[in-house]
Structure formats: structure tokens, C-alpha cells
N, C-alpha and C. Protein backbone atom coordinates (compact mmCIF):
# COMPACT_ATOMS: atom_id res chain seq x y z
N MET A 1 4.60 -19.02 38.83
CA MET A 1 3.40 -18.82 38.06
C MET A 1 3.62 -17.81 36.94
N PHE A 2 3.55 -16.53 37.27
CA PHE A 2 3.67 -15.47 36.28
C PHE A 2 4.94 -14.69 36.55
N ASP A 3 5.83 -14.65 35.58
CA ASP A 3 7.11 -13.98 35.75
C ASP A 3 7.01 -12.54 35.27
N LYS A 4 6.96 -11.61 36.20
CA LYS A 4 6.80 -10.19 35.87
C LYS A 4 8.07 -9.59 35.27
N SER A 5 9.19 -10.26 35.39
CA SER A 5 10.43 -9.70 34.88
C SER A 5 10.48 -9.75 33.35
N LYS A 6 9.60 -10.52 32.72
CA LYS A 6 9.61 -10.62 31.26
C LYS A 6 8.68 -9.63 30.59
N ILE A 7 7.99 -8.82 31.37
CA ILE A 7 7.10 -7.81 30.80
C ILE A 7 7.94 -6.66 30.27
N VAL A 8 7.72 -6.32 29.01
CA VAL A 8 8.49 -5.25 28.38
C VAL A 8 7.54 -4.12 28.04
N MET A 9 7.85 -2.95 28.53
CA MET A 9 7.04 -1.77 28.22
C MET A 9 7.52 -1.19 26.90
N ARG A 10 6.58 -0.91 26.02
CA ARG A 10 6.94 -0.33 24.74
C ARG A 10 6.84 1.18 24.81
N SER A 11 7.66 1.83 24.02
CA SER A 11 7.68 3.29 24.03
C SER A 11 6.43 3.84 23.35
N PRO A 12 6.02 5.04 23.70
CA PRO A 12 4.84 5.65 23.06
C PRO A 12 4.99 5.79 21.55
N SER A 13 6.20 6.05 21.07
CA SER A 13 6.38 6.18 19.62
C SER A 13 6.14 4.85 18.92
N SER A 14 6.45 3.77 19.59
CA SER A 14 6.20 2.44 19.03
C SER A 14 4.70 2.18 18.92
N ARG A 15 3.94 2.62 19.92
CA ARG A 15 2.48 2.46 19.88
C ARG A 15 1.86 3.29 18.77
N VAL A 16 2.39 4.49 18.57
CA VAL A 16 1.88 5.35 17.50
C VAL A 16 2.17 4.73 16.14
N LYS A 17 3.36 4.17 15.97
CA LYS A 17 3.72 3.51 14.72
C LYS A 17 2.80 2.32 14.47
N ASP A 18 2.52 1.54 15.51
CA ASP A 18 1.62 0.40 15.36
C ASP A 18 0.23 0.85 14.97
N PHE A 19 -0.25 1.91 15.62
CA PHE A 19 -1.58 2.44 15.29
C PHE A 19 -1.64 2.90 13.84
N LEU A 20 -0.62 3.64 13.41
CA LEU A 20 -0.59 4.12 12.02
C LEU A 20 -0.53 2.96 11.03
N LEU A 21 0.20 1.92 11.37
CA LEU A 21 0.28 0.75 10.51
C LEU A 21 -1.09 0.08 10.39
N TYR A 22 -1.75 -0.16 11.52
CA TYR A 22 -3.07 -0.80 11.50
C TYR A 22 -4.10 0.07 10.80
N ALA A 23 -4.06 1.37 11.02
CA ALA A 23 -5.01 2.28 10.39
C ALA A 23 -4.79 2.31 8.88
N SER A 24 -3.55 2.34 8.44
CA SER A 24 -3.29 2.37 7.00
C SER A 24 -3.70 1.06 6.34
N VAL A 25 -3.48 -0.05 7.01
CA VAL A 25 -3.92 -1.35 6.46
C VAL A 25 -5.44 -1.38 6.35
N ALA A 26 -6.14 -0.85 7.35
CA ALA A 26 -7.61 -0.83 7.32
C ALA A 26 -8.11 0.07 6.18
N VAL A 27 -7.48 1.21 5.97
CA VAL A 27 -7.90 2.12 4.90
C VAL A 27 -7.66 1.48 3.53
N VAL A 28 -6.50 0.87 3.35
CA VAL A 28 -6.19 0.21 2.07
C VAL A 28 -7.17 -0.94 1.83
N ALA A 29 -7.48 -1.72 2.85
CA ALA A 29 -8.42 -2.82 2.69
C ALA A 29 -9.81 -2.31 2.31
N ALA A 30 -10.25 -1.23 2.93
CA ALA A 30 -11.55 -0.66 2.60
C ALA A 30 -11.57 -0.15 1.16
N LEU A 31 -10.51 0.50 0.73
CA LEU A 31 -10.44 0.99 -0.65
C LEU A 31 -10.46 -0.17 -1.65
N LEU A 32 -9.74 -1.24 -1.34
CA LEU A 32 -9.73 -2.40 -2.22
C LEU A 32 -11.11 -3.05 -2.30
N LEU A 33 -11.82 -3.10 -1.18
CA LEU A 33 -13.17 -3.66 -1.20
C LEU A 33 -14.10 -2.80 -2.05
N ILE A 34 -14.03 -1.51 -1.90
CA ILE A 34 -14.90 -0.61 -2.67
C ILE A 34 -14.56 -0.69 -4.15
N LEU A 35 -13.28 -0.64 -4.49
CA LEU A 35 -12.86 -0.72 -5.89
C LEU A 35 -13.24 -2.07 -6.50
N GLY A 36 -13.01 -3.14 -5.77
CA GLY A 36 -13.34 -4.47 -6.27
C GLY A 36 -14.83 -4.62 -6.49
N ASN A 37 -15.63 -4.07 -5.61
CA ASN A 37 -17.08 -4.14 -5.76
C ASN A 37 -17.53 -3.38 -7.00
N ARG A 38 -16.95 -2.21 -7.23
CA ARG A 38 -17.33 -1.42 -8.41
C ARG A 38 -16.90 -2.11 -9.70
N ILE A 39 -15.72 -2.70 -9.70
CA ILE A 39 -15.24 -3.38 -10.90
C ILE A 39 -16.07 -4.64 -11.17
N ALA A 40 -16.35 -5.41 -10.13
CA ALA A 40 -17.10 -6.65 -10.31
C ALA A 40 -18.55 -6.39 -10.67
N GLY A 41 -19.11 -5.28 -10.22
CA GLY A 41 -20.53 -5.03 -10.44
C GLY A 41 -20.84 -4.05 -11.55
N LYS A 42 -19.84 -3.66 -12.35
CA LYS A 42 -20.11 -2.63 -13.36
C LYS A 42 -20.98 -3.14 -14.50
N ASP A 43 -20.98 -4.45 -14.78
CA ASP A 43 -21.78 -4.98 -15.88
C ASP A 43 -23.07 -5.62 -15.41
N VAL A 44 -23.40 -5.49 -14.16
CA VAL A 44 -24.62 -6.09 -13.63
C VAL A 44 -25.78 -5.14 -13.89
N ALA A 45 -26.83 -5.64 -14.55
CA ALA A 45 -27.95 -4.79 -14.96
C ALA A 45 -28.66 -4.16 -13.76
N PHE A 46 -28.72 -4.85 -12.66
CA PHE A 46 -29.40 -4.32 -11.47
C PHE A 46 -28.77 -3.01 -11.02
N TYR A 47 -27.45 -2.92 -11.07
CA TYR A 47 -26.76 -1.72 -10.60
C TYR A 47 -26.81 -0.59 -11.63
N ASN A 48 -26.99 -0.92 -12.89
CA ASN A 48 -27.03 0.10 -13.94
C ASN A 48 -28.39 0.77 -14.03
N GLY A 49 -29.41 0.20 -13.41
CA GLY A 49 -30.75 0.77 -13.48
C GLY A 49 -31.51 0.37 -14.72
N THR A 50 -30.96 -0.56 -15.51
CA THR A 50 -31.64 -0.97 -16.73
C THR A 50 -32.72 -2.01 -16.45
N GLU A 51 -32.61 -2.68 -15.34
CA GLU A 51 -33.62 -3.68 -15.00
C GLU A 51 -34.00 -3.51 -13.54
N ILE A 52 -35.29 -3.32 -13.31
CA ILE A 52 -35.75 -3.10 -11.93
C ILE A 52 -36.69 -4.24 -11.56
N GLY A 53 -36.15 -5.25 -10.95
CA GLY A 53 -36.98 -6.36 -10.49
C GLY A 53 -37.35 -7.32 -11.60
N PRO A 54 -38.20 -8.30 -11.27
CA PRO A 54 -38.59 -9.30 -12.27
C PRO A 54 -39.53 -8.71 -13.31
N ARG A 55 -39.51 -9.29 -14.50
CA ARG A 55 -40.41 -8.83 -15.56
C ARG A 55 -41.83 -9.28 -15.27
N MET A 56 -42.77 -8.42 -15.53
CA MET A 56 -44.18 -8.74 -15.34
C MET A 56 -44.87 -8.72 -16.68
N GLU A 57 -45.61 -9.75 -16.96
CA GLU A 57 -46.40 -9.84 -18.19
C GLU A 57 -47.86 -9.73 -17.85
N LYS A 58 -48.62 -9.06 -18.69
CA LYS A 58 -50.06 -8.96 -18.47
C LYS A 58 -50.75 -10.23 -18.97
N GLY A 59 -51.63 -10.74 -18.15
CA GLY A 59 -52.39 -11.92 -18.56
C GLY A 59 -53.64 -11.53 -19.33
N LYS A 60 -54.15 -12.49 -20.11
CA LYS A 60 -55.39 -12.23 -20.88
C LYS A 60 -56.58 -12.82 -20.16
């Protein structure tokens, strides 16, 4: 069924390296998302505060 002889224990330094790799990838991905959002949304009037919602006209 299950062969226990093939289980390999990894060293603690290997686990730390894996954690640092995953953490750095997550940080870089978050920075890219934030930067991309700012670049893509810099010309959008809603984010600049120049337009707040739909225009309203007064009726006669």
C-alpha cells in the first residue's frame, strides 16, 4: 500500500529557504499588483477626484 521507505525528511534550512522563496514571491507579486493598478488607473477621472458620480442636470 504505502511505502514508508520513500519518505524523505528535509532539513530545517531547506524549509527556511522555501519559506523565504515563497514570501519573496508573494511580496513581489503584491508590489506588481499595486504598481500596475496605479499605472493603469492614473488617467481615470474617478481616481483623480475630477468627477464624482454621474452628472446631474436641473429640470425646468
